[in-house]
Amino acid sequence: MKLWLFDCNAPAADIEAGCRAAAALIEKRGFTLQQAYDAVMKRSNRERFERRAAQAWDNAEDEALRVTYHGEEPPGEPVLGPAEEPQ
């Protein structure tokens, strides 16, 4: 799985750097990107979910935004999600 920031007007190179930082944070916490994403989706559907994995995703999204926008507040509300992979 590859990550991307959606609803984001930052340059692609900055988004890629932010997403790499987000992925590294999730993996450092001991989860795969898929595990963390699944936990967040289950939480949003009010299903049982792995709290630490969901927290890793939340923190990774914050990290992606911090890196992408160089510590500045992002305009709008960009969202971290799986990148669309070419078929």
PDB file of N, CA and C in Angstrom:
ATOM      1  N   MET A   1       0.849  -1.174   0.000  1.00  0.00           N
ATOM      2  CA  MET A   1       0.000   0.000   0.000  1.00  0.00           C
ATOM      3  C   MET A   1       0.896   1.239   0.000  1.00  0.00           C
ATOM      4  N   LYS A   2       0.497   2.203  -0.799  1.00  0.00           N
ATOM      5  CA  LYS A   2       1.181   3.487  -0.822  1.00  0.00           C
ATOM      6  C   LYS A   2       0.195   4.538  -0.315  1.00  0.00           C
ATOM      7  N   LEU A   3       0.699   5.544   0.389  1.00  0.00           N
ATOM      8  CA  LEU A   3      -0.160   6.581   0.953  1.00  0.00           C
ATOM      9  C   LEU A   3      -0.162   7.833   0.090  1.00  0.00           C
ATOM     10  N   TRP A   4      -1.219   8.639   0.263  1.00  0.00           N
ATOM     11  CA  TRP A   4      -1.321   9.934  -0.411  1.00  0.00           C
ATOM     12  C   TRP A   4      -2.187  10.865   0.429  1.00  0.00           C
ATOM     13  N   LEU A   5      -1.965  12.161   0.285  1.00  0.00           N
ATOM     14  CA  LEU A   5      -2.819  13.159   0.927  1.00  0.00           C
ATOM     15  C   LEU A   5      -3.818  13.672  -0.106  1.00  0.00           C
ATOM     16  N   PHE A   6      -5.087  13.499   0.189  1.00  0.00           N
ATOM     17  CA  PHE A   6      -6.150  13.942  -0.700  1.00  0.00           C
ATOM     18  C   PHE A   6      -6.670  15.302  -0.238  1.00  0.00           C
ATOM     19  N   ASP A   7      -7.290  16.026  -1.154  1.00  0.00           N
ATOM     20  CA  ASP A   7      -7.766  17.392  -0.889  1.00  0.00           C
ATOM     21  C   ASP A   7      -6.614  18.262  -0.420  1.00  0.00           C
ATOM     22  N   CYS A   8      -5.493  18.110  -1.083  1.00  0.00           N
ATOM     23  CA  CYS A   8      -4.248  18.762  -0.694  1.00  0.00           C
ATOM     24  C   CYS A   8      -3.694  19.513  -1.902  1.00  0.00           C
ATOM     25  N   ASN A   9      -3.366  20.788  -1.703  1.00  0.00           N
ATOM     26  CA  ASN A   9      -2.859  21.581  -2.822  1.00  0.00           C
ATOM     27  C   ASN A   9      -1.347  21.784  -2.770  1.00  0.00           C
ATOM     28  N   ALA A  10      -0.667  21.029  -1.950  1.00  0.00           N
ATOM     29  CA  ALA A  10       0.794  21.134  -1.839  1.00  0.00           C
ATOM     30  C   ALA A  10       1.455  20.493  -3.063  1.00  0.00           C
ATOM     31  N   PRO A  11       2.706  20.856  -3.335  1.00  0.00           N
ATOM     32  CA  PRO A  11       3.436  20.213  -4.440  1.00  0.00           C
ATOM     33  C   PRO A  11       3.564  18.699  -4.204  1.00  0.00           C
ATOM     34  N   ALA A  12       3.540  17.948  -5.293  1.00  0.00           N
ATOM     35  CA  ALA A  12       3.608  16.481  -5.207  1.00  0.00           C
ATOM     36  C   ALA A  12       4.836  16.011  -4.437  1.00  0.00           C
ATOM     37  N   ALA A  13       5.977  16.671  -4.614  1.00  0.00           N
ATOM     38  CA  ALA A  13       7.194  16.256  -3.902  1.00  0.00           C
ATOM     39  C   ALA A  13       7.027  16.405  -2.394  1.00  0.00           C
ATOM     40  N   ASP A  14       6.342  17.455  -1.958  1.00  0.00           N
ATOM     41  CA  ASP A  14       6.101  17.647  -0.525  1.00  0.00           C
ATOM     42  C   ASP A  14       5.124  16.601   0.007  1.00  0.00           C
ATOM     43  N   ILE A  15       4.097  16.294  -0.781  1.00  0.00           N
ATOM     44  CA  ILE A  15       3.131  15.264  -0.375  1.00  0.00           C
ATOM     45  C   ILE A  15       3.836  13.917  -0.250  1.00  0.00           C
ATOM     46  N   GLU A  16       4.682  13.593  -1.217  1.00  0.00           N
ATOM     47  CA  GLU A  16       5.411  12.321  -1.168  1.00  0.00           C
ATOM     48  C   GLU A  16       6.293  12.244   0.070  1.00  0.00           C
ATOM     49  N   ALA A  17       6.967  13.338   0.407  1.00  0.00           N
ATOM     50  CA  ALA A  17       7.813  13.352   1.608  1.00  0.00           C
ATOM     51  C   ALA A  17       6.960  13.157   2.855  1.00  0.00           C
ATOM     52  N   GLY A  18       5.820  13.813   2.913  1.00  0.00           N
ATOM     53  CA  GLY A  18       4.921  13.663   4.056  1.00  0.00           C
ATOM     54  C   GLY A  18       4.400  12.246   4.188  1.00  0.00           C
ATOM     55  N   CYS A  19       4.068  11.637   3.065  1.00  0.00           N
ATOM     56  CA  CYS A  19       3.547  10.268   3.090  1.00  0.00           C
ATOM     57  C   CYS A  19       4.624   9.258   3.469  1.00  0.00           C
ATOM     58  N   ARG A  20       5.855   9.501   3.050  1.00  0.00           N
ATOM     59  CA  ARG A  20       6.960   8.621   3.482  1.00  0.00           C
ATOM     60  C   ARG A  20       7.141   8.718   4.999  1.00  0.00           C
ATOM     61  N   ALA A  21       7.052   9.928   5.539  1.00  0.00           N
ATOM     62  CA  ALA A  21       7.180  10.110   6.990  1.00  0.00           C
ATOM     63  C   ALA A  21       6.035   9.412   7.721  1.00  0.00           C
ATOM     64  N   ALA A  22       4.841   9.502   7.167  1.00  0.00           N
ATOM     65  CA  ALA A  22       3.679   8.846   7.773  1.00  0.00           C
ATOM     66  C   ALA A  22       3.855   7.331   7.783  1.00  0.00           C
ATOM     67  N   ALA A  23       4.291   6.778   6.669  1.00  0.00           N
ATOM     68  CA  ALA A  23       4.497   5.329   6.579  1.00  0.00           C
ATOM     69  C   ALA A  23       5.560   4.875   7.569  1.00  0.00           C
ATOM     70  N   ALA A  24       6.627   5.641   7.682  1.00  0.00           N
ATOM     71  CA  ALA A  24       7.702   5.282   8.616  1.00  0.00           C
ATOM     72  C   ALA A  24       7.192   5.279  10.050  1.00  0.00           C
ATOM     73  N   LEU A  25       6.351   6.244  10.403  1.00  0.00           N
ATOM     74  CA  LEU A  25       5.815   6.307  11.763  1.00  0.00           C
ATOM     75  C   LEU A  25       4.951   5.081  12.061  1.00  0.00           C
ATOM     76  N   ILE A  26       4.081   4.721  11.137  1.00  0.00           N
ATOM     77  CA  ILE A  26       3.213   3.551  11.339  1.00  0.00           C
ATOM     78  C   ILE A  26       4.057   2.295  11.512  1.00  0.00           C
ATOM     79  N   GLU A  27       5.034   2.118  10.643  1.00  0.00           N
ATOM     80  CA  GLU A  27       5.874   0.921  10.709  1.00  0.00           C
ATOM     81  C   GLU A  27       6.724   0.903  11.973  1.00  0.00           C
ATOM     82  N   LYS A  28       7.172   2.063  12.414  1.00  0.00           N
ATOM     83  CA  LYS A  28       7.950   2.142  13.655  1.00  0.00           C
ATOM     84  C   LYS A  28       7.110   1.703  14.853  1.00  0.00           C
ATOM     85  N   ARG A  29       5.809   1.912  14.778  1.00  0.00           N
ATOM     86  CA  ARG A  29       4.907   1.504  15.859  1.00  0.00           C
ATOM     87  C   ARG A  29       4.561   0.022  15.791  1.00  0.00           C
ATOM     88  N   GLY A  30       5.076  -0.675  14.777  1.00  0.00           N
ATOM     89  CA  GLY A  30       4.884  -2.121  14.695  1.00  0.00           C
ATOM     90  C   GLY A  30       3.686  -2.570  13.885  1.00  0.00           C
ATOM     91  N   PHE A  31       3.145  -1.682  13.056  1.00  0.00           N
ATOM     92  CA  PHE A  31       1.990  -2.034  12.237  1.00  0.00           C
ATOM     93  C   PHE A  31       2.322  -1.867  10.762  1.00  0.00           C
ATOM     94  N   THR A  32       1.608  -2.616   9.933  1.00  0.00           N
ATOM     95  CA  THR A  32       1.698  -2.370   8.499  1.00  0.00           C
ATOM     96  C   THR A  32       0.737  -1.230   8.172  1.00  0.00           C
ATOM     97  N   LEU A  33       0.919  -0.647   7.002  1.00  0.00           N
ATOM     98  CA  LEU A  33       0.005   0.410   6.577  1.00  0.00           C
ATOM     99  C   LEU A  33      -1.417  -0.137   6.480  1.00  0.00           C
ATOM    100  N   GLN A  34      -1.544  -1.355   5.980  1.00  0.00           N
ATOM    101  CA  GLN A  34      -2.867  -1.965   5.837  1.00  0.00           C
ATOM    102  C   GLN A  34      -3.531  -2.173   7.193  1.00  0.00           C
ATOM    103  N   GLN A  35      -2.779  -2.648   8.185  1.00  0.00           N
ATOM    104  CA  GLN A  35      -3.351  -2.849   9.521  1.00  0.00           C
ATOM    105  C   GLN A  35      -3.855  -1.532  10.107  1.00  0.00           C
ATOM    106  N   ALA A  36      -3.063  -0.482   9.975  1.00  0.00           N
ATOM    107  CA  ALA A  36      -3.453   0.816  10.525  1.00  0.00           C
ATOM    108  C   ALA A  36      -4.677   1.363   9.791  1.00  0.00           C
ATOM    109  N   TYR A  37      -4.677   1.248   8.478  1.00  0.00           N
ATOM    110  CA  TYR A  37      -5.817   1.731   7.692  1.00  0.00           C
ATOM    111  C   TYR A  37      -7.082   0.948   8.033  1.00  0.00           C
ATOM    112  N   ASP A  38      -6.963  -0.369   8.125  1.00  0.00           N
ATOM    113  CA  ASP A  38      -8.121  -1.198   8.476  1.00  0.00           C
ATOM    114  C   ASP A  38      -8.680  -0.805   9.840  1.00  0.00           C
ATOM    115  N   ALA A  39      -7.808  -0.519  10.793  1.00  0.00           N
ATOM    116  CA  ALA A  39      -8.257  -0.125  12.132  1.00  0.00           C
ATOM    117  C   ALA A  39      -9.054   1.176  12.076  1.00  0.00           C
ATOM    118  N   VAL A  40      -8.589   2.134  11.294  1.00  0.00           N
ATOM    119  CA  VAL A  40      -9.290   3.414  11.174  1.00  0.00           C
ATOM    120  C   VAL A  40     -10.640   3.227  10.485  1.00  0.00           C
ATOM    121  N   MET A  41     -10.683   2.385   9.470  1.00  0.00           N
ATOM    122  CA  MET A  41     -11.950   2.143   8.773  1.00  0.00           C
ATOM    123  C   MET A  41     -12.948   1.434   9.694  1.00  0.00           C
ATOM    124  N   LYS A  42     -12.460   0.468  10.467  1.00  0.00           N
ATOM    125  CA  LYS A  42     -13.347  -0.215  11.412  1.00  0.00           C
ATOM    126  C   LYS A  42     -13.858   0.765  12.461  1.00  0.00           C
ATOM    127  N   ARG A  43     -12.985   1.632  12.940  1.00  0.00           N
ATOM    128  CA  ARG A  43     -13.406   2.629  13.932  1.00  0.00           C
ATOM    129  C   ARG A  43     -14.501   3.522  13.348  1.00  0.00           C
ATOM    130  N   SER A  44     -14.337   3.954  12.113  1.00  0.00           N
ATOM    131  CA  SER A  44     -15.332   4.844  11.509  1.00  0.00           C
ATOM    132  C   SER A  44     -16.661   4.128  11.264  1.00  0.00           C
ATOM    133  N   ASN A  45     -16.611   2.813  11.128  1.00  0.00           N
ATOM    134  CA  ASN A  45     -17.832   2.020  10.953  1.00  0.00           C
ATOM    135  C   ASN A  45     -18.388   1.511  12.280  1.00  0.00           C
ATOM    136  N   ARG A  46     -17.775   1.963  13.370  1.00  0.00           N
ATOM    137  CA  ARG A  46     -18.190   1.576  14.725  1.00  0.00           C
ATOM    138  C   ARG A  46     -18.102   0.066  14.963  1.00  0.00           C
ATOM    139  N   GLU A  47     -17.066  -0.526  14.369  1.00  0.00           N
ATOM    140  CA  GLU A  47     -16.776  -1.943  14.587  1.00  0.00           C
ATOM    141  C   GLU A  47     -15.624  -2.040  15.582  1.00  0.00           C
ATOM    142  N   ARG A  48     -15.365  -3.243  16.066  1.00  0.00           N
ATOM    143  CA  ARG A  48     -14.200  -3.439  16.934  1.00  0.00           C
ATOM    144  C   ARG A  48     -12.940  -3.162  16.129  1.00  0.00           C
ATOM    145  N   PHE A  49     -11.983  -2.477  16.761  1.00  0.00           N
ATOM    146  CA  PHE A  49     -10.758  -2.122  16.050  1.00  0.00           C
ATOM    147  C   PHE A  49      -9.579  -2.142  17.007  1.00  0.00           C
ATOM    148  N   GLU A  50      -8.399  -2.262  16.452  1.00  0.00           N
ATOM    149  CA  GLU A  50      -7.146  -2.236  17.204  1.00  0.00           C
ATOM    150  C   GLU A  50      -6.820  -0.771  17.498  1.00  0.00           C
ATOM    151  N   ARG A  51      -6.945  -0.379  18.763  1.00  0.00           N
ATOM    152  CA  ARG A  51      -6.767   1.028  19.152  1.00  0.00           C
ATOM    153  C   ARG A  51      -5.372   1.557  18.840  1.00  0.00           C
ATOM    154  N   ARG A  52      -4.359   0.771  19.102  1.00  0.00           N
ATOM    155  CA  ARG A  52      -2.989   1.251  18.865  1.00  0.00           C
ATOM    156  C   ARG A  52      -2.723   1.456  17.378  1.00  0.00           C
ATOM    157  N   ALA A  53      -3.292   0.602  16.551  1.00  0.00           N
ATOM    158  CA  ALA A  53      -3.126   0.756  15.104  1.00  0.00           C
ATOM    159  C   ALA A  53      -3.853   2.006  14.607  1.00  0.00           C
ATOM    160  N   ALA A  54      -5.054   2.241  15.113  1.00  0.00           N
ATOM    161  CA  ALA A  54      -5.801   3.441  14.725  1.00  0.00           C
ATOM    162  C   ALA A  54      -5.077   4.698  15.197  1.00  0.00           C
ATOM    163  N   GLN A  55      -4.524   4.652  16.395  1.00  0.00           N
ATOM    164  CA  GLN A  55      -3.769   5.799  16.908  1.00  0.00           C
ATOM    165  C   GLN A  55      -2.522   6.039  16.067  1.00  0.00           C
ATOM    166  N   ALA A  56      -1.881   4.968  15.626  1.00  0.00           N
ATOM    167  CA  ALA A  56      -0.709   5.110  14.753  1.00  0.00           C
ATOM    168  C   ALA A  56      -1.107   5.812  13.456  1.00  0.00           C
ATOM    169  N   TRP A  57      -2.258   5.449  12.894  1.00  0.00           N
ATOM    170  CA  TRP A  57      -2.729   6.109  11.669  1.00  0.00           C
ATOM    171  C   TRP A  57      -2.996   7.594  11.928  1.00  0.00           C
ATOM    172  N   ASP A  58      -3.678   7.890  13.029  1.00  0.00           N
ATOM    173  CA  ASP A  58      -3.978   9.290  13.356  1.00  0.00           C
ATOM    174  C   ASP A  58      -2.697  10.103  13.496  1.00  0.00           C
ATOM    175  N   ASN A  59      -1.731   9.547  14.211  1.00  0.00           N
ATOM    176  CA  ASN A  59      -0.456  10.245  14.392  1.00  0.00           C
ATOM    177  C   ASN A  59       0.297  10.371  13.072  1.00  0.00           C
ATOM    178  N   ALA A  60       0.188   9.359  12.231  1.00  0.00           N
ATOM    179  CA  ALA A  60       0.848   9.394  10.924  1.00  0.00           C
ATOM    180  C   ALA A  60       0.236  10.475  10.038  1.00  0.00           C
ATOM    181  N   GLU A  61      -1.065  10.637  10.109  1.00  0.00           N
ATOM    182  CA  GLU A  61      -1.705  11.695   9.327  1.00  0.00           C
ATOM    183  C   GLU A  61      -1.199  13.064   9.785  1.00  0.00           C
ATOM    184  N   ASP A  62      -1.098  13.256  11.092  1.00  0.00           N
ATOM    185  CA  ASP A  62      -0.549  14.514  11.621  1.00  0.00           C
ATOM    186  C   ASP A  62       0.881  14.727  11.136  1.00  0.00           C
ATOM    187  N   GLU A  63       1.673  13.667  11.141  1.00  0.00           N
ATOM    188  CA  GLU A  63       3.065  13.758  10.698  1.00  0.00           C
ATOM    189  C   GLU A  63       3.140  14.073   9.205  1.00  0.00           C
ATOM    190  N   ALA A  64       2.290  13.453   8.416  1.00  0.00           N
ATOM    191  CA  ALA A  64       2.271  13.730   6.975  1.00  0.00           C
ATOM    192  C   ALA A  64       1.964  15.200   6.713  1.00  0.00           C
ATOM    193  N   LEU A  65       1.012  15.741   7.437  1.00  0.00           N
ATOM    194  CA  LEU A  65       0.660  17.153   7.262  1.00  0.00           C
ATOM    195  C   LEU A  65       1.786  18.065   7.730  1.00  0.00           C
ATOM    196  N   ARG A  66       2.417  17.716   8.846  1.00  0.00           N
ATOM    197  CA  ARG A  66       3.517  18.526   9.370  1.00  0.00           C
ATOM    198  C   ARG A  66       4.657  18.600   8.359  1.00  0.00           C
ATOM    199  N   VAL A  67       5.021  17.446   7.806  1.00  0.00           N
ATOM    200  CA  VAL A  67       6.127  17.402   6.846  1.00  0.00           C
ATOM    201  C   VAL A  67       5.728  18.082   5.535  1.00  0.00           C
ATOM    202  N   THR A  68       4.545  17.792   5.043  1.00  0.00           N
ATOM    203  CA  THR A  68       4.092  18.346   3.764  1.00  0.00           C
ATOM    204  C   THR A  68       4.027  19.868   3.798  1.00  0.00           C
ATOM    205  N   TYR A  69       3.525  20.402   4.895  1.00  0.00           N
ATOM    206  CA  TYR A  69       3.336  21.856   4.999  1.00  0.00           C
ATOM    207  C   TYR A  69       4.423  22.534   5.831  1.00  0.00           C
ATOM    208  N   HIS A  70       5.514  21.827   6.076  1.00  0.00           N
ATOM    209  CA  HIS A  70       6.682  22.396   6.769  1.00  0.00           C
ATOM    210  C   HIS A  70       6.303  23.041   8.102  1.00  0.00           C
ATOM    211  N   GLY A  71       5.426  22.374   8.847  1.00  0.00           N
ATOM    212  CA  GLY A  71       5.044  22.842  10.171  1.00  0.00           C
ATOM    213  C   GLY A  71       3.943  23.887  10.184  1.00  0.00           C
ATOM    214  N   GLU A  72       3.526  24.352   9.024  1.00  0.00           N
ATOM    215  CA  GLU A  72       2.448  25.346   8.935  1.00  0.00           C
ATOM    216  C   GLU A  72       1.092  24.641   8.945  1.00  0.00           C
ATOM    217  N   GLU A  73       0.064  25.379   9.310  1.00  0.00           N
ATOM    218  CA  GLU A  73      -1.301  24.847   9.293  1.00  0.00           C
ATOM    219  C   GLU A  73      -1.740  24.670   7.832  1.00  0.00           C
ATOM    220  N   PRO A  74      -2.214  23.476   7.460  1.00  0.00           N
ATOM    221  CA  PRO A  74      -2.630  23.283   6.065  1.00  0.00           C
ATOM    222  C   PRO A  74      -3.929  24.033   5.767  1.00  0.00           C
ATOM    223  N   PRO A  75      -4.042  24.567   4.559  1.00  0.00           N
ATOM    224  CA  PRO A  75      -5.328  25.152   4.173  1.00  0.00           C
ATOM    225  C   PRO A  75      -6.322  24.016   3.919  1.00  0.00           C
ATOM    226  N   GLY A  76      -7.543  24.203   4.281  1.00  0.00           N
ATOM    227  CA  GLY A  76      -8.531  23.146   4.084  1.00  0.00           C
ATOM    228  C   GLY A  76      -8.298  21.998   5.047  1.00  0.00           C
ATOM    229  N   GLU A  77      -8.766  20.836   4.662  1.00  0.00           N
ATOM    230  CA  GLU A  77      -8.634  19.655   5.508  1.00  0.00           C
ATOM    231  C   GLU A  77      -8.151  18.460   4.694  1.00  0.00           C
ATOM    232  N   PRO A  78      -6.850  18.416   4.377  1.00  0.00           N
ATOM    233  CA  PRO A  78      -6.320  17.256   3.656  1.00  0.00           C
ATOM    234  C   PRO A  78      -6.508  15.973   4.471  1.00  0.00           C
ATOM    235  N   VAL A  79      -6.640  14.867   3.764  1.00  0.00           N
ATOM    236  CA  VAL A  79      -6.888  13.575   4.406  1.00  0.00           C
ATOM    237  C   VAL A  79      -5.887  12.552   3.883  1.00  0.00           C
ATOM    238  N   LEU A  80      -5.297  11.799   4.799  1.00  0.00           N
ATOM    239  CA  LEU A  80      -4.381  10.719   4.440  1.00  0.00           C
ATOM    240  C   LEU A  80      -5.187   9.483   4.058  1.00  0.00           C
ATOM    241  N   GLY A  81      -4.783   8.839   2.974  1.00  0.00           N
ATOM    242  CA  GLY A  81      -5.464   7.622   2.552  1.00  0.00           C
ATOM    243  C   GLY A  81      -4.586   6.820   1.620  1.00  0.00           C
ATOM    244  N   PRO A  82      -5.049   5.627   1.253  1.00  0.00           N
ATOM    245  CA  PRO A  82      -4.294   4.813   0.308  1.00  0.00           C
ATOM    246  C   PRO A  82      -4.271   5.484  -1.060  1.00  0.00           C
ATOM    247  N   ALA A  83      -3.110   5.507  -1.672  1.00  0.00           N
ATOM    248  CA  ALA A  83      -2.987   6.051  -3.028  1.00  0.00           C
ATOM    249  C   ALA A  83      -3.652   5.091  -3.992  1.00  0.00           C
ATOM    250  N   GLU A  84      -4.200   5.634  -5.049  1.00  0.00           N
ATOM    251  CA  GLU A  84      -4.773   4.776  -6.084  1.00  0.00           C
ATOM    252  C   GLU A  84      -3.625   4.181  -6.873  1.00  0.00           C
ATOM    253  N   GLU A  85      -3.558   2.877  -6.876  1.00  0.00           N
ATOM    254  CA  GLU A  85      -2.483   2.173  -7.573  1.00  0.00           C
ATOM    255  C   GLU A  85      -2.911   1.915  -9.015  1.00  0.00           C
ATOM    256  N   PRO A  86      -1.999   2.116  -9.989  1.00  0.00           N
ATOM    257  CA  PRO A  86      -2.364   1.809 -11.379  1.00  0.00           C
ATOM    258  C   PRO A  86      -2.675   0.331 -11.543  1.00  0.00           C
ATOM    259  N   GLN A  87      -3.663   0.038 -12.342  1.00  0.00           N
ATOM    260  CA  GLN A  87      -4.099  -1.353 -12.519  1.00  0.00           C
ATOM    261  C   GLN A  87      -3.384  -2.008 -13.665  1.00  0.00           C
TER     262      GLN A  87
END
